[in-house]
């Protein structure tokens, strides 16, 4: 059984854009992140990204996780630990 799900990008049919309103901004970020993390796209991108770009992406993700998740939430939602 898989632990991860990416259903939003498969079912979202509304506007993808930024700056209109908070709900659209939130949905756009989720949509873009799910598209970005697609295995076949990442296989191409990871080889083309510079060391600096890889570090920037990693640091941004880590910063957001540390800022907005408790230790327990980090283990539950990000690491998917039981």
C-alpha atoms as a PDB file:
ATOM      1  CA  UNK A   1       0.000   0.000   0.000  1.00  0.00           C
ATOM      2  CA  UNK A   2       1.358   3.430  -0.903  1.00  0.00           C
ATOM      3  CA  UNK A   3       1.639   6.135   1.734  1.00  0.00           C
ATOM      4  CA  UNK A   4       1.587   9.143  -0.573  1.00  0.00           C
ATOM      5  CA  UNK A   5      -1.275  10.563  -2.573  1.00  0.00           C
ATOM      6  CA  UNK A   6      -1.374  13.115  -5.354  1.00  0.00           C
ATOM      7  CA  UNK A   7      -5.058  13.199  -6.163  1.00  0.00           C
ATOM      8  CA  UNK A   8      -5.566  16.950  -6.140  1.00  0.00           C
ATOM      9  CA  UNK A   9      -3.695  17.517  -9.396  1.00  0.00           C
ATOM     10  CA  UNK A  10      -5.775  14.797 -11.058  1.00  0.00           C
ATOM     11  CA  UNK A  11      -9.130  16.265 -10.073  1.00  0.00           C
ATOM     12  CA  UNK A  12      -8.612  20.039  -9.865  1.00  0.00           C
ATOM     13  CA  UNK A  13     -10.347  21.823 -12.737  1.00  0.00           C
ATOM     14  CA  UNK A  14     -10.384  25.444 -11.612  1.00  0.00           C
ATOM     15  CA  UNK A  15      -8.041  28.355 -12.272  1.00  0.00           C
ATOM     16  CA  UNK A  16      -4.302  27.863 -11.933  1.00  0.00           C
ATOM     17  CA  UNK A  17      -2.902  31.307 -11.289  1.00  0.00           C
ATOM     18  CA  UNK A  18      -1.610  33.491  -8.523  1.00  0.00           C
ATOM     19  CA  UNK A  19      -2.791  36.739  -6.955  1.00  0.00           C
ATOM     20  CA  UNK A  20      -6.548  36.558  -7.494  1.00  0.00           C
ATOM     21  CA  UNK A  21      -7.537  35.353  -4.024  1.00  0.00           C
ATOM     22  CA  UNK A  22      -6.240  33.194  -1.184  1.00  0.00           C
ATOM     23  CA  UNK A  23      -8.176  30.055  -2.173  1.00  0.00           C
ATOM     24  CA  UNK A  24      -6.914  30.143  -5.755  1.00  0.00           C
ATOM     25  CA  UNK A  25      -3.370  30.852  -4.520  1.00  0.00           C
ATOM     26  CA  UNK A  26      -3.517  27.841  -2.175  1.00  0.00           C
ATOM     27  CA  UNK A  27      -4.911  25.573  -4.893  1.00  0.00           C
ATOM     28  CA  UNK A  28      -2.319  26.796  -7.382  1.00  0.00           C
ATOM     29  CA  UNK A  29       0.550  26.031  -5.010  1.00  0.00           C
ATOM     30  CA  UNK A  30      -0.772  22.511  -4.345  1.00  0.00           C
ATOM     31  CA  UNK A  31      -1.312  21.946  -8.070  1.00  0.00           C
ATOM     32  CA  UNK A  32       2.176  23.185  -8.997  1.00  0.00           C
ATOM     33  CA  UNK A  33       3.918  21.214  -6.253  1.00  0.00           C
ATOM     34  CA  UNK A  34       2.176  18.010  -7.253  1.00  0.00           C
ATOM     35  CA  UNK A  35       3.023  18.566 -10.916  1.00  0.00           C
ATOM     36  CA  UNK A  36       6.617  19.461  -9.981  1.00  0.00           C
ATOM     37  CA  UNK A  37       7.098  16.328  -7.882  1.00  0.00           C
ATOM     38  CA  UNK A  38       5.949  13.953 -10.620  1.00  0.00           C
ATOM     39  CA  UNK A  39       8.512  11.154 -10.867  1.00  0.00           C
ATOM     40  CA  UNK A  40       9.105  11.453 -14.612  1.00  0.00           C
ATOM     41  CA  UNK A  41       9.511  15.244 -14.463  1.00  0.00           C
ATOM     42  CA  UNK A  42      11.866  15.048 -11.488  1.00  0.00           C
ATOM     43  CA  UNK A  43      13.957  12.430 -13.275  1.00  0.00           C
ATOM     44  CA  UNK A  44      14.656  15.021 -15.960  1.00  0.00           C
ATOM     45  CA  UNK A  45      14.940  18.096 -13.733  1.00  0.00           C
ATOM     46  CA  UNK A  46      17.183  16.686 -11.015  1.00  0.00           C
ATOM     47  CA  UNK A  47      19.906  15.978 -13.532  1.00  0.00           C
ATOM     48  CA  UNK A  48      19.714  19.484 -14.997  1.00  0.00           C
ATOM     49  CA  UNK A  49      19.488  21.495 -11.796  1.00  0.00           C
ATOM     50  CA  UNK A  50      22.669  23.024 -10.469  1.00  0.00           C
ATOM     51  CA  UNK A  51      23.963  22.155  -7.017  1.00  0.00           C
ATOM     52  CA  UNK A  52      22.781  25.587  -5.901  1.00  0.00           C
ATOM     53  CA  UNK A  53      19.267  25.034  -7.279  1.00  0.00           C
ATOM     54  CA  UNK A  54      19.008  21.655  -5.569  1.00  0.00           C
ATOM     55  CA  UNK A  55      20.085  23.258  -2.305  1.00  0.00           C
ATOM     56  CA  UNK A  56      17.604  26.132  -2.706  1.00  0.00           C
ATOM     57  CA  UNK A  57      14.678  23.757  -3.230  1.00  0.00           C
ATOM     58  CA  UNK A  58      15.731  21.610  -0.279  1.00  0.00           C
ATOM     59  CA  UNK A  59      16.201  24.627   1.995  1.00  0.00           C
ATOM     60  CA  UNK A  60      12.820  26.128   1.053  1.00  0.00           C
ATOM     61  CA  UNK A  61      10.999  22.875   1.766  1.00  0.00           C
ATOM     62  CA  UNK A  62      12.834  22.402   5.051  1.00  0.00           C
ATOM     63  CA  UNK A  63      12.166  26.006   6.120  1.00  0.00           C
ATOM     64  CA  UNK A  64       8.419  25.705   5.438  1.00  0.00           C
ATOM     65  CA  UNK A  65       8.165  22.364   7.227  1.00  0.00           C
ATOM     66  CA  UNK A  66      10.026  23.632  10.307  1.00  0.00           C
ATOM     67  CA  UNK A  67       7.963  26.818  10.448  1.00  0.00           C
ATOM     68  CA  UNK A  68       4.513  25.297  10.079  1.00  0.00           C
ATOM     69  CA  UNK A  69       4.642  21.753  11.486  1.00  0.00           C
ATOM     70  CA  UNK A  70       5.142  20.508  14.994  1.00  0.00           C
ATOM     71  CA  UNK A  71       7.557  17.628  15.499  1.00  0.00           C
ATOM     72  CA  UNK A  72       4.606  15.234  15.712  1.00  0.00           C
ATOM     73  CA  UNK A  73       3.013  16.625  12.530  1.00  0.00           C
ATOM     74  CA  UNK A  74       6.339  16.388  10.722  1.00  0.00           C
ATOM     75  CA  UNK A  75       6.548  12.671  11.505  1.00  0.00           C
ATOM     76  CA  UNK A  76       2.884  12.055  10.759  1.00  0.00           C
ATOM     77  CA  UNK A  77       2.334  14.102   7.591  1.00  0.00           C
ATOM     78  CA  UNK A  78       5.766  14.452   6.012  1.00  0.00           C
ATOM     79  CA  UNK A  79       7.597  11.282   7.021  1.00  0.00           C
ATOM     80  CA  UNK A  80       4.356   9.261   7.032  1.00  0.00           C
ATOM     81  CA  UNK A  81       5.373   7.379  10.147  1.00  0.00           C
ATOM     82  CA  UNK A  82       2.748   5.363  11.964  1.00  0.00           C
END
